[in-house]
Amino acid sequence: MGDLMTTFFSGQVPVEAYLGVSLIMFFAGVYGFLTRRNMLMILISIELMLNAADINFTAFNRYLFPAQLEGFYFALFTIAIAACETAVAIAIIINIYRNLTSVEVGNLDQMKE
């Protein structure tokens, strides 16, 4: 454990630190997705999971192929896709709020009528 701490504080961050942060972020997103009833909170949880995956892409690219940038490009691509997905999801949530005056997932059964 001492060797890991000296490596961590010497300026070079080990890949385990990135993976740990990414793991915590991903499972926080999964927990938020499964427990929240508000659609905006569910959307934030999905974004948290996508950002955790982006950290993994860049960390693995940095440690496995340091001279290449494929992981960074893939992370930028997923960030752009996530931004488009968020814009569409927020537009849908705004329309649901206008019709139902609520953004709770349990109230979506009223739209079947």
Protein backbone atom coordinates (compact mmCIF):
# COMPACT_ATOMS: atom_id res chain seq x y z
CA MET A 1 0.00 0.00 0.00
CA GLY A 2 2.91 2.33 0.70
CA ASP A 3 4.22 1.94 -2.84
CA LEU A 4 0.85 2.89 -4.27
CA MET A 5 0.66 6.00 -2.08
CA THR A 6 4.18 7.14 -2.99
CA THR A 7 3.35 6.68 -6.68
CA PHE A 8 0.09 8.56 -6.21
CA PHE A 9 1.71 11.55 -4.52
CA SER A 10 4.80 11.64 -6.74
CA GLY A 11 2.86 13.12 -9.65
CA GLN A 12 2.00 10.00 -11.62
CA VAL A 13 -1.59 8.91 -11.01
CA PRO A 14 -2.08 5.15 -11.31
CA VAL A 15 -4.78 3.75 -13.55
CA GLU A 16 -6.48 2.24 -10.49
CA ALA A 17 -7.32 5.72 -9.23
CA TYR A 18 -9.11 6.59 -12.48
CA LEU A 19 -10.92 3.27 -12.48
CA GLY A 20 -11.97 3.76 -8.86
CA VAL A 21 -13.42 7.20 -9.55
CA SER A 22 -15.14 5.87 -12.65
CA LEU A 23 -16.57 2.91 -10.74
CA ILE A 24 -17.98 5.15 -8.02
CA MET A 25 -19.50 7.50 -10.60
CA PHE A 26 -21.02 4.66 -12.59
CA PHE A 27 -22.67 2.97 -9.63
CA ALA A 28 -23.91 6.32 -8.31
CA GLY A 29 -25.58 6.77 -11.70
CA VAL A 30 -27.07 3.27 -11.60
CA TYR A 31 -28.38 3.89 -8.07
CA GLY A 32 -29.89 7.21 -9.14
CA PHE A 33 -31.47 5.66 -12.22
CA LEU A 34 -33.09 2.85 -10.24
CA THR A 35 -34.30 4.85 -7.25
CA ARG A 36 -35.41 8.24 -8.60
CA ARG A 37 -38.90 8.99 -9.86
CA ASN A 38 -38.21 12.40 -11.34
CA MET A 39 -37.34 12.24 -15.04
CA LEU A 40 -34.74 14.99 -14.78
CA MET A 41 -32.90 13.10 -12.04
CA ILE A 42 -33.01 9.94 -14.15
CA LEU A 43 -31.51 11.92 -17.05
CA ILE A 44 -28.75 13.23 -14.78
CA SER A 45 -28.02 9.68 -13.64
CA ILE A 46 -27.68 8.52 -17.24
CA GLU A 47 -25.28 11.37 -17.93
CA LEU A 48 -23.25 10.38 -14.88
CA MET A 49 -22.93 6.83 -16.21
CA LEU A 50 -21.84 8.12 -19.63
CA ASN A 51 -19.20 10.36 -18.05
CA ALA A 52 -17.88 7.39 -16.07
CA ALA A 53 -17.49 5.48 -19.34
CA ASP A 54 -15.64 8.45 -20.85
CA ILE A 55 -13.18 8.43 -17.95
CA ASN A 56 -12.55 4.75 -18.65
CA PHE A 57 -11.95 5.40 -22.36
CA THR A 58 -9.40 8.12 -21.70
CA ALA A 59 -7.67 6.28 -18.84
CA PHE A 60 -7.22 3.08 -20.81
CA ASN A 61 -6.04 5.01 -23.85
CA ARG A 62 -3.52 6.94 -21.75
CA TYR A 63 -2.02 3.83 -20.15
CA LEU A 64 -2.25 1.31 -23.01
CA PHE A 65 -1.57 3.49 -26.05
CA PRO A 66 -0.03 6.79 -24.87
CA ALA A 67 1.05 7.92 -28.35
CA GLN A 68 -2.41 7.49 -29.90
CA LEU A 69 -5.60 9.44 -29.30
CA GLU A 70 -8.40 7.02 -30.17
CA GLY A 71 -9.75 6.92 -26.61
CA PHE A 72 -9.89 10.70 -26.45
CA TYR A 73 -11.66 10.94 -29.80
CA PHE A 74 -14.15 8.29 -28.75
CA ALA A 75 -14.78 10.17 -25.50
CA LEU A 76 -15.38 13.41 -27.42
CA PHE A 77 -17.76 11.59 -29.73
CA THR A 78 -19.74 10.16 -26.81
CA ILE A 79 -19.86 13.58 -25.15
CA ALA A 80 -21.36 15.05 -28.35
CA ILE A 81 -23.90 12.23 -28.59
CA ALA A 82 -24.78 12.68 -24.90
CA ALA A 83 -25.36 16.41 -25.46
CA CYS A 84 -27.74 15.68 -28.33
CA GLU A 85 -29.51 13.03 -26.27
CA THR A 86 -29.89 15.47 -23.39
CA ALA A 87 -31.38 18.16 -25.64
CA VAL A 88 -33.97 15.75 -27.04
CA ALA A 89 -34.78 14.32 -23.59
CA ILE A 90 -35.27 17.77 -22.07
CA ALA A 91 -37.59 18.73 -24.95
CA ILE A 92 -39.65 15.60 -24.31
CA ILE A 93 -39.72 16.29 -20.57
CA ILE A 94 -40.90 19.88 -21.18
CA ASN A 95 -43.75 18.61 -23.37
CA ILE A 96 -44.74 16.06 -20.74
CA TYR A 97 -44.71 18.77 -18.08
CA ARG A 98 -46.95 20.98 -20.22
CA ASN A 99 -49.50 18.17 -20.58
CA LEU A 100 -49.39 16.66 -17.08
CA THR A 101 -47.85 19.45 -14.93
CA SER A 102 -45.57 16.83 -13.41
CA VAL A 103 -42.33 15.11 -14.39
CA GLU A 104 -42.78 12.07 -12.18
CA VAL A 105 -42.39 8.72 -13.91
CA GLY A 106 -45.46 7.29 -12.16
CA ASN A 107 -47.73 9.88 -13.78
CA LEU A 108 -46.88 8.81 -17.33
CA ASP A 109 -49.71 6.26 -17.28
CA GLN A 110 -52.10 9.19 -17.73
CA MET A 111 -50.76 9.74 -21.25
CA LYS A 112 -52.20 6.42 -22.42
CA GLU A 113 -55.72 7.87 -22.26
